[in-house]
Amino acid sequence: MIKIIEANFIENGCLELAFSNGAKGVFDVWLYCSNRQGPLLEPLQSENYIKRYFIDMGALGWPNGLELSPERLYELCEIKQAA
């Protein structure tokens, strides 16, 4: 089971994620939200809100209860390197 072990805000709504398998990738939050709707996604239009992310048991989350699974994020990320 893959997990997120580190996340860093880059710029322009993007987070750099490090996964437990050694891969690193960039997750574009704004691109992800551009073709999805819902009250949990609306706050992610703000860069300041994106920066409030946290890692909970290997998943990426925000204070409003939104949580994205590490497996799905791995699929969505532009992988920069893998072990």
PDB file of N, CA and C in Angstrom:
ATOM      1  N   MET A   1       0.843  -1.180   0.000  1.00  0.00           N
ATOM      2  CA  MET A   1       0.000   0.000   0.000  1.00  0.00           C
ATOM      3  C   MET A   1       0.889   1.244   0.000  1.00  0.00           C
ATOM      4  N   ILE A   2       0.660   2.109  -0.957  1.00  0.00           N
ATOM      5  CA  ILE A   2       1.446   3.331  -1.084  1.00  0.00           C
ATOM      6  C   ILE A   2       0.885   4.407  -0.146  1.00  0.00           C
ATOM      7  N   LYS A   3       1.785   5.243   0.367  1.00  0.00           N
ATOM      8  CA  LYS A   3       1.388   6.346   1.247  1.00  0.00           C
ATOM      9  C   LYS A   3       2.145   7.604   0.844  1.00  0.00           C
ATOM     10  N   ILE A   4       1.581   8.736   1.210  1.00  0.00           N
ATOM     11  CA  ILE A   4       2.286  10.002   1.054  1.00  0.00           C
ATOM     12  C   ILE A   4       3.100  10.197   2.322  1.00  0.00           C
ATOM     13  N   ILE A   5       4.381  10.458   2.152  1.00  0.00           N
ATOM     14  CA  ILE A   5       5.229  10.647   3.332  1.00  0.00           C
ATOM     15  C   ILE A   5       5.655  12.104   3.518  1.00  0.00           C
ATOM     16  N   GLU A   6       5.519  12.910   2.453  1.00  0.00           N
ATOM     17  CA  GLU A   6       5.882  14.321   2.552  1.00  0.00           C
ATOM     18  C   GLU A   6       5.144  15.099   1.474  1.00  0.00           C
ATOM     19  N   ALA A   7       4.785  16.336   1.793  1.00  0.00           N
ATOM     20  CA  ALA A   7       4.141  17.221   0.826  1.00  0.00           C
ATOM     21  C   ALA A   7       4.696  18.622   1.022  1.00  0.00           C
ATOM     22  N   ASN A   8       4.924  19.310  -0.085  1.00  0.00           N
ATOM     23  CA  ASN A   8       5.423  20.684  -0.045  1.00  0.00           C
ATOM     24  C   ASN A   8       4.692  21.506  -1.087  1.00  0.00           C
ATOM     25  N   PHE A   9       4.232  22.683  -0.677  1.00  0.00           N
ATOM     26  CA  PHE A   9       3.599  23.596  -1.619  1.00  0.00           C
ATOM     27  C   PHE A   9       4.676  24.170  -2.525  1.00  0.00           C
ATOM     28  N   ILE A  10       4.420  24.180  -3.828  1.00  0.00           N
ATOM     29  CA  ILE A  10       5.385  24.732  -4.786  1.00  0.00           C
ATOM     30  C   ILE A  10       4.928  26.136  -5.175  1.00  0.00           C
ATOM     31  N   GLU A  11       3.941  26.222  -6.054  1.00  0.00           N
ATOM     32  CA  GLU A  11       3.363  27.486  -6.511  1.00  0.00           C
ATOM     33  C   GLU A  11       2.204  27.173  -7.433  1.00  0.00           C
ATOM     34  N   ASN A  12       1.417  28.183  -7.752  1.00  0.00           N
ATOM     35  CA  ASN A  12       0.317  28.039  -8.713  1.00  0.00           C
ATOM     36  C   ASN A  12      -0.585  26.846  -8.430  1.00  0.00           C
ATOM     37  N   GLY A  13      -0.903  26.629  -7.169  1.00  0.00           N
ATOM     38  CA  GLY A  13      -1.824  25.563  -6.809  1.00  0.00           C
ATOM     39  C   GLY A  13      -1.257  24.166  -6.894  1.00  0.00           C
ATOM     40  N   CYS A  14       0.052  24.023  -6.873  1.00  0.00           N
ATOM     41  CA  CYS A  14       0.683  22.706  -6.997  1.00  0.00           C
ATOM     42  C   CYS A  14       1.384  22.278  -5.704  1.00  0.00           C
ATOM     43  N   LEU A  15       1.308  20.997  -5.443  1.00  0.00           N
ATOM     44  CA  LEU A  15       2.007  20.393  -4.315  1.00  0.00           C
ATOM     45  C   LEU A  15       2.971  19.347  -4.838  1.00  0.00           C
ATOM     46  N   GLU A  16       4.167  19.328  -4.296  1.00  0.00           N
ATOM     47  CA  GLU A  16       5.111  18.255  -4.597  1.00  0.00           C
ATOM     48  C   GLU A  16       4.907  17.187  -3.527  1.00  0.00           C
ATOM     49  N   LEU A  17       4.665  15.964  -3.964  1.00  0.00           N
ATOM     50  CA  LEU A  17       4.395  14.854  -3.054  1.00  0.00           C
ATOM     51  C   LEU A  17       5.495  13.814  -3.133  1.00  0.00           C
ATOM     52  N   ALA A  18       5.869  13.284  -1.982  1.00  0.00           N
ATOM     53  CA  ALA A  18       6.815  12.171  -1.916  1.00  0.00           C
ATOM     54  C   ALA A  18       6.036  10.958  -1.422  1.00  0.00           C
ATOM     55  N   PHE A  19       6.185   9.855  -2.133  1.00  0.00           N
ATOM     56  CA  PHE A  19       5.449   8.632  -1.827  1.00  0.00           C
ATOM     57  C   PHE A  19       6.349   7.600  -1.160  1.00  0.00           C
ATOM     58  N   SER A  20       5.726   6.669  -0.478  1.00  0.00           N
ATOM     59  CA  SER A  20       6.468   5.661   0.276  1.00  0.00           C
ATOM     60  C   SER A  20       7.268   4.707  -0.605  1.00  0.00           C
ATOM     61  N   ASN A  21       6.988   4.667  -1.907  1.00  0.00           N
ATOM     62  CA  ASN A  21       7.753   3.796  -2.805  1.00  0.00           C
ATOM     63  C   ASN A  21       8.981   4.498  -3.385  1.00  0.00           C
ATOM     64  N   GLY A  22       9.249   5.726  -2.915  1.00  0.00           N
ATOM     65  CA  GLY A  22      10.407   6.470  -3.388  1.00  0.00           C
ATOM     66  C   GLY A  22      10.114   7.432  -4.523  1.00  0.00           C
ATOM     67  N   ALA A  23       8.922   7.375  -5.085  1.00  0.00           N
ATOM     68  CA  ALA A  23       8.561   8.278  -6.182  1.00  0.00           C
ATOM     69  C   ALA A  23       8.217   9.654  -5.644  1.00  0.00           C
ATOM     70  N   LYS A  24       8.448  10.656  -6.482  1.00  0.00           N
ATOM     71  CA  LYS A  24       8.036  12.022  -6.197  1.00  0.00           C
ATOM     72  C   LYS A  24       7.241  12.515  -7.391  1.00  0.00           C
ATOM     73  N   GLY A  25       6.256  13.343  -7.118  1.00  0.00           N
ATOM     74  CA  GLY A  25       5.444  13.865  -8.201  1.00  0.00           C
ATOM     75  C   GLY A  25       4.828  15.191  -7.841  1.00  0.00           C
ATOM     76  N   VAL A  26       4.261  15.837  -8.842  1.00  0.00           N
ATOM     77  CA  VAL A  26       3.614  17.122  -8.658  1.00  0.00           C
ATOM     78  C   VAL A  26       2.117  16.936  -8.874  1.00  0.00           C
ATOM     79  N   PHE A  27       1.336  17.367  -7.887  1.00  0.00           N
ATOM     80  CA  PHE A  27      -0.121  17.315  -7.958  1.00  0.00           C
ATOM     81  C   PHE A  27      -0.641  18.729  -8.155  1.00  0.00           C
ATOM     82  N   ASP A  28      -1.309  18.954  -9.276  1.00  0.00           N
ATOM     83  CA  ASP A  28      -1.887  20.256  -9.602  1.00  0.00           C
ATOM     84  C   ASP A  28      -3.303  20.300  -9.048  1.00  0.00           C
ATOM     85  N   VAL A  29      -3.471  20.941  -7.907  1.00  0.00           N
ATOM     86  CA  VAL A  29      -4.763  20.996  -7.228  1.00  0.00           C
ATOM     87  C   VAL A  29      -5.787  21.729  -8.088  1.00  0.00           C
ATOM     88  N   TRP A  30      -5.396  22.842  -8.686  1.00  0.00           N
ATOM     89  CA  TRP A  30      -6.334  23.611  -9.493  1.00  0.00           C
ATOM     90  C   TRP A  30      -6.783  22.831 -10.719  1.00  0.00           C
ATOM     91  N   LEU A  31      -5.897  22.099 -11.341  1.00  0.00           N
ATOM     92  CA  LEU A  31      -6.283  21.273 -12.485  1.00  0.00           C
ATOM     93  C   LEU A  31      -7.260  20.184 -12.037  1.00  0.00           C
ATOM     94  N   TYR A  32      -6.983  19.564 -10.901  1.00  0.00           N
ATOM     95  CA  TYR A  32      -7.861  18.532 -10.352  1.00  0.00           C
ATOM     96  C   TYR A  32      -9.267  19.086 -10.113  1.00  0.00           C
ATOM     97  N   CYS A  33      -9.340  20.296  -9.573  1.00  0.00           N
ATOM     98  CA  CYS A  33     -10.632  20.905  -9.244  1.00  0.00           C
ATOM     99  C   CYS A  33     -11.346  21.481 -10.467  1.00  0.00           C
ATOM    100  N   SER A  34     -10.628  21.689 -11.554  1.00  0.00           N
ATOM    101  CA  SER A  34     -11.202  22.356 -12.720  1.00  0.00           C
ATOM    102  C   SER A  34     -12.338  21.569 -13.369  1.00  0.00           C
ATOM    103  N   ASN A  35     -12.344  20.254 -13.243  1.00  0.00           N
ATOM    104  CA  ASN A  35     -13.424  19.471 -13.851  1.00  0.00           C
ATOM    105  C   ASN A  35     -14.211  18.666 -12.818  1.00  0.00           C
ATOM    106  N   ARG A  36     -14.192  19.155 -11.570  1.00  0.00           N
ATOM    107  CA  ARG A  36     -14.952  18.535 -10.497  1.00  0.00           C
ATOM    108  C   ARG A  36     -15.670  19.628  -9.725  1.00  0.00           C
ATOM    109  N   GLN A  37     -16.789  19.258  -9.106  1.00  0.00           N
ATOM    110  CA  GLN A  37     -17.539  20.226  -8.321  1.00  0.00           C
ATOM    111  C   GLN A  37     -17.859  19.642  -6.957  1.00  0.00           C
ATOM    112  N   GLY A  38     -18.152  20.517  -6.030  1.00  0.00           N
ATOM    113  CA  GLY A  38     -18.571  20.082  -4.712  1.00  0.00           C
ATOM    114  C   GLY A  38     -18.120  21.058  -3.651  1.00  0.00           C
ATOM    115  N   PRO A  39     -18.848  21.099  -2.560  1.00  0.00           N
ATOM    116  CA  PRO A  39     -18.546  22.059  -1.504  1.00  0.00           C
ATOM    117  C   PRO A  39     -17.178  21.848  -0.852  1.00  0.00           C
ATOM    118  N   LEU A  40     -16.666  20.632  -0.850  1.00  0.00           N
ATOM    119  CA  LEU A  40     -15.350  20.394  -0.256  1.00  0.00           C
ATOM    120  C   LEU A  40     -14.218  20.883  -1.151  1.00  0.00           C
ATOM    121  N   LEU A  41     -14.482  20.974  -2.458  1.00  0.00           N
ATOM    122  CA  LEU A  41     -13.452  21.420  -3.398  1.00  0.00           C
ATOM    123  C   LEU A  41     -13.396  22.940  -3.555  1.00  0.00           C
ATOM    124  N   GLU A  42     -14.493  23.627  -3.273  1.00  0.00           N
ATOM    125  CA  GLU A  42     -14.548  25.078  -3.476  1.00  0.00           C
ATOM    126  C   GLU A  42     -13.432  25.836  -2.749  1.00  0.00           C
ATOM    127  N   PRO A  43     -13.126  25.525  -1.492  1.00  0.00           N
ATOM    128  CA  PRO A  43     -12.060  26.267  -0.814  1.00  0.00           C
ATOM    129  C   PRO A  43     -10.693  26.132  -1.484  1.00  0.00           C
ATOM    130  N   LEU A  44     -10.491  25.068  -2.277  1.00  0.00           N
ATOM    131  CA  LEU A  44      -9.196  24.837  -2.920  1.00  0.00           C
ATOM    132  C   LEU A  44      -8.926  25.790  -4.077  1.00  0.00           C
ATOM    133  N   GLN A  45      -9.879  26.680  -4.368  1.00  0.00           N
ATOM    134  CA  GLN A  45      -9.630  27.731  -5.357  1.00  0.00           C
ATOM    135  C   GLN A  45      -8.659  28.776  -4.790  1.00  0.00           C
ATOM    136  N   SER A  46      -8.501  28.782  -3.482  1.00  0.00           N
ATOM    137  CA  SER A  46      -7.616  29.726  -2.802  1.00  0.00           C
ATOM    138  C   SER A  46      -6.267  29.072  -2.512  1.00  0.00           C
ATOM    139  N   GLU A  47      -5.211  29.715  -2.958  1.00  0.00           N
ATOM    140  CA  GLU A  47      -3.868  29.206  -2.694  1.00  0.00           C
ATOM    141  C   GLU A  47      -3.605  29.135  -1.185  1.00  0.00           C
ATOM    142  N   ASN A  48      -4.126  30.111  -0.442  1.00  0.00           N
ATOM    143  CA  ASN A  48      -3.942  30.096   1.008  1.00  0.00           C
ATOM    144  C   ASN A  48      -4.588  28.868   1.646  1.00  0.00           C
ATOM    145  N   TYR A  49      -5.727  28.442   1.111  1.00  0.00           N
ATOM    146  CA  TYR A  49      -6.378  27.257   1.657  1.00  0.00           C
ATOM    147  C   TYR A  49      -5.610  25.989   1.257  1.00  0.00           C
ATOM    148  N   ILE A  50      -5.124  25.943   0.046  1.00  0.00           N
ATOM    149  CA  ILE A  50      -4.331  24.786  -0.389  1.00  0.00           C
ATOM    150  C   ILE A  50      -3.163  24.576   0.567  1.00  0.00           C
ATOM    151  N   LYS A  51      -2.557  25.672   0.999  1.00  0.00           N
ATOM    152  CA  LYS A  51      -1.399  25.591   1.894  1.00  0.00           C
ATOM    153  C   LYS A  51      -1.742  25.032   3.271  1.00  0.00           C
ATOM    154  N   ARG A  52      -3.003  24.856   3.578  1.00  0.00           N
ATOM    155  CA  ARG A  52      -3.416  24.310   4.874  1.00  0.00           C
ATOM    156  C   ARG A  52      -3.496  22.779   4.855  1.00  0.00           C
ATOM    157  N   TYR A  53      -2.951  22.153   3.824  1.00  0.00           N
ATOM    158  CA  TYR A  53      -2.956  20.701   3.695  1.00  0.00           C
ATOM    159  C   TYR A  53      -2.246  20.046   4.880  1.00  0.00           C
ATOM    160  N   PHE A  54      -2.549  18.786   5.078  1.00  0.00           N
ATOM    161  CA  PHE A  54      -1.820  17.971   6.057  1.00  0.00           C
ATOM    162  C   PHE A  54      -1.848  16.523   5.577  1.00  0.00           C
ATOM    163  N   ILE A  55      -0.962  15.732   6.129  1.00  0.00           N
ATOM    164  CA  ILE A  55      -0.920  14.301   5.815  1.00  0.00           C
ATOM    165  C   ILE A  55      -1.482  13.552   7.013  1.00  0.00           C
ATOM    166  N   ASP A  56      -2.475  12.712   6.759  1.00  0.00           N
ATOM    167  CA  ASP A  56      -3.108  11.924   7.812  1.00  0.00           C
ATOM    168  C   ASP A  56      -3.100  10.454   7.403  1.00  0.00           C
ATOM    169  N   MET A  57      -2.305   9.685   8.087  1.00  0.00           N
ATOM    170  CA  MET A  57      -2.194   8.247   7.829  1.00  0.00           C
ATOM    171  C   MET A  57      -1.897   7.958   6.353  1.00  0.00           C
ATOM    172  N   GLY A  58      -1.043   8.782   5.755  1.00  0.00           N
ATOM    173  CA  GLY A  58      -0.609   8.561   4.384  1.00  0.00           C
ATOM    174  C   GLY A  58      -1.468   9.195   3.323  1.00  0.00           C
ATOM    175  N   ALA A  59      -2.578   9.845   3.706  1.00  0.00           N
ATOM    176  CA  ALA A  59      -3.457  10.511   2.747  1.00  0.00           C
ATOM    177  C   ALA A  59      -3.302  12.023   2.887  1.00  0.00           C
ATOM    178  N   LEU A  60      -3.684  12.743   1.851  1.00  0.00           N
ATOM    179  CA  LEU A  60      -3.607  14.200   1.849  1.00  0.00           C
ATOM    180  C   LEU A  60      -4.970  14.756   2.240  1.00  0.00           C
ATOM    181  N   GLY A  61      -4.984  15.656   3.220  1.00  0.00           N
ATOM    182  CA  GLY A  61      -6.253  16.194   3.689  1.00  0.00           C
ATOM    183  C   GLY A  61      -6.217  17.687   3.925  1.00  0.00           C
ATOM    184  N   TRP A  62      -7.420  18.250   4.132  1.00  0.00           N
ATOM    185  CA  TRP A  62      -7.608  19.657   4.448  1.00  0.00           C
ATOM    186  C   TRP A  62      -8.584  19.774   5.608  1.00  0.00           C
ATOM    187  N   PRO A  63      -8.590  20.925   6.285  1.00  0.00           N
ATOM    188  CA  PRO A  63      -9.417  21.096   7.484  1.00  0.00           C
ATOM    189  C   PRO A  63     -10.926  20.902   7.281  1.00  0.00           C
ATOM    190  N   ASN A  64     -11.425  21.054   6.060  1.00  0.00           N
ATOM    191  CA  ASN A  64     -12.862  20.914   5.831  1.00  0.00           C
ATOM    192  C   ASN A  64     -13.316  19.453   5.716  1.00  0.00           C
ATOM    193  N   GLY A  65     -12.399  18.514   5.880  1.00  0.00           N
ATOM    194  CA  GLY A  65     -12.755  17.101   5.812  1.00  0.00           C
ATOM    195  C   GLY A  65     -12.415  16.423   4.497  1.00  0.00           C
ATOM    196  N   LEU A  66     -11.979  17.189   3.505  1.00  0.00           N
ATOM    197  CA  LEU A  66     -11.586  16.593   2.226  1.00  0.00           C
ATOM    198  C   LEU A  66     -10.322  15.775   2.425  1.00  0.00           C
ATOM    199  N   GLU A  67     -10.331  14.560   1.923  1.00  0.00           N
ATOM    200  CA  GLU A  67      -9.161  13.689   1.983  1.00  0.00           C
ATOM    201  C   GLU A  67      -9.026  12.974   0.648  1.00  0.00           C
ATOM    202  N   LEU A  68      -7.824  13.005   0.091  1.00  0.00           N
ATOM    203  CA  LEU A  68      -7.546  12.340  -1.179  1.00  0.00           C
ATOM    204  C   LEU A  68      -6.605  11.174  -0.922  1.00  0.00           C
ATOM    205  N   SER A  69      -6.953  10.037  -1.459  1.00  0.00           N
ATOM    206  CA  SER A  69      -6.174   8.830  -1.200  1.00  0.00           C
ATOM    207  C   SER A  69      -4.816   8.896  -1.894  1.00  0.00           C
ATOM    208  N   PRO A  70      -3.811   8.310  -1.273  1.00  0.00           N
ATOM    209  CA  PRO A  70      -2.480   8.314  -1.883  1.00  0.00           C
ATOM    210  C   PRO A  70      -2.444   7.558  -3.206  1.00  0.00           C
ATOM    211  N   GLU A  71      -3.230   6.511  -3.327  1.00  0.00           N
ATOM    212  CA  GLU A  71      -3.248   5.747  -4.577  1.00  0.00           C
ATOM    213  C   GLU A  71      -3.764   6.602  -5.727  1.00  0.00           C
ATOM    214  N   ARG A  72      -4.850   7.338  -5.476  1.00  0.00           N
ATOM    215  CA  ARG A  72      -5.422   8.192  -6.514  1.00  0.00           C
ATOM    216  C   ARG A  72      -4.469   9.335  -6.846  1.00  0.00           C
ATOM    217  N   LEU A  73      -3.858   9.918  -5.849  1.00  0.00           N
ATOM    218  CA  LEU A  73      -2.908  11.004  -6.094  1.00  0.00           C
ATOM    219  C   LEU A  73      -1.715  10.518  -6.902  1.00  0.00           C
ATOM    220  N   TYR A  74      -1.267   9.314  -6.638  1.00  0.00           N
ATOM    221  CA  TYR A  74      -0.150   8.752  -7.398  1.00  0.00           C
ATOM    222  C   TYR A  74      -0.526   8.654  -8.877  1.00  0.00           C
ATOM    223  N   GLU A  75      -1.768   8.245  -9.145  1.00  0.00           N
ATOM    224  CA  GLU A  75      -2.240   8.155 -10.530  1.00  0.00           C
ATOM    225  C   GLU A  75      -2.323   9.526 -11.193  1.00  0.00           C
ATOM    226  N   LEU A  76      -2.683  10.538 -10.419  1.00  0.00           N
ATOM    227  CA  LEU A  76      -2.895  11.885 -10.955  1.00  0.00           C
ATOM    228  C   LEU A  76      -1.610  12.698 -11.088  1.00  0.00           C
ATOM    229  N   CYS A  77      -0.593  12.335 -10.341  1.00  0.00           N
ATOM    230  CA  CYS A  77       0.646  13.112 -10.302  1.00  0.00           C
ATOM    231  C   CYS A  77       1.471  12.945 -11.567  1.00  0.00           C
ATOM    232  N   GLU A  78       2.174  14.010 -11.873  1.00  0.00           N
ATOM    233  CA  GLU A  78       3.228  13.941 -12.878  1.00  0.00           C
ATOM    234  C   GLU A  78       4.450  13.447 -12.123  1.00  0.00           C
ATOM    235  N   ILE A  79       4.779  12.160 -12.271  1.00  0.00           N
ATOM    236  CA  ILE A  79       5.865  11.546 -11.512  1.00  0.00           C
ATOM    237  C   ILE A  79       7.209  12.050 -12.032  1.00  0.00           C
ATOM    238  N   LYS A  80       8.029  12.529 -11.102  1.00  0.00           N
ATOM    239  CA  LYS A  80       9.337  13.074 -11.454  1.00  0.00           C
ATOM    240  C   LYS A  80      10.451  12.047 -11.297  1.00  0.00           C
ATOM    241  N   GLN A  81      10.291  11.141 -10.342  1.00  0.00           N
ATOM    242  CA  GLN A  81      11.300  10.090 -10.175  1.00  0.00           C
ATOM    243  C   GLN A  81      10.663   8.946  -9.406  1.00  0.00           C
ATOM    244  N   ALA A  82      11.154   7.777  -9.626  1.00  0.00           N
ATOM    245  CA  ALA A  82      10.646   6.592  -8.915  1.00  0.00           C
ATOM    246  C   ALA A  82      11.827   5.726  -8.521  1.00  0.00           C
ATOM    247  N   ALA A  83      11.598   4.966  -7.482  1.00  0.00           N
ATOM    248  CA  ALA A  83      12.652   4.077  -7.000  1.00  0.00           C
ATOM    249  C   ALA A  83      12.795   2.881  -7.902  1.00  0.00           C
TER     250      ALA A  83
END
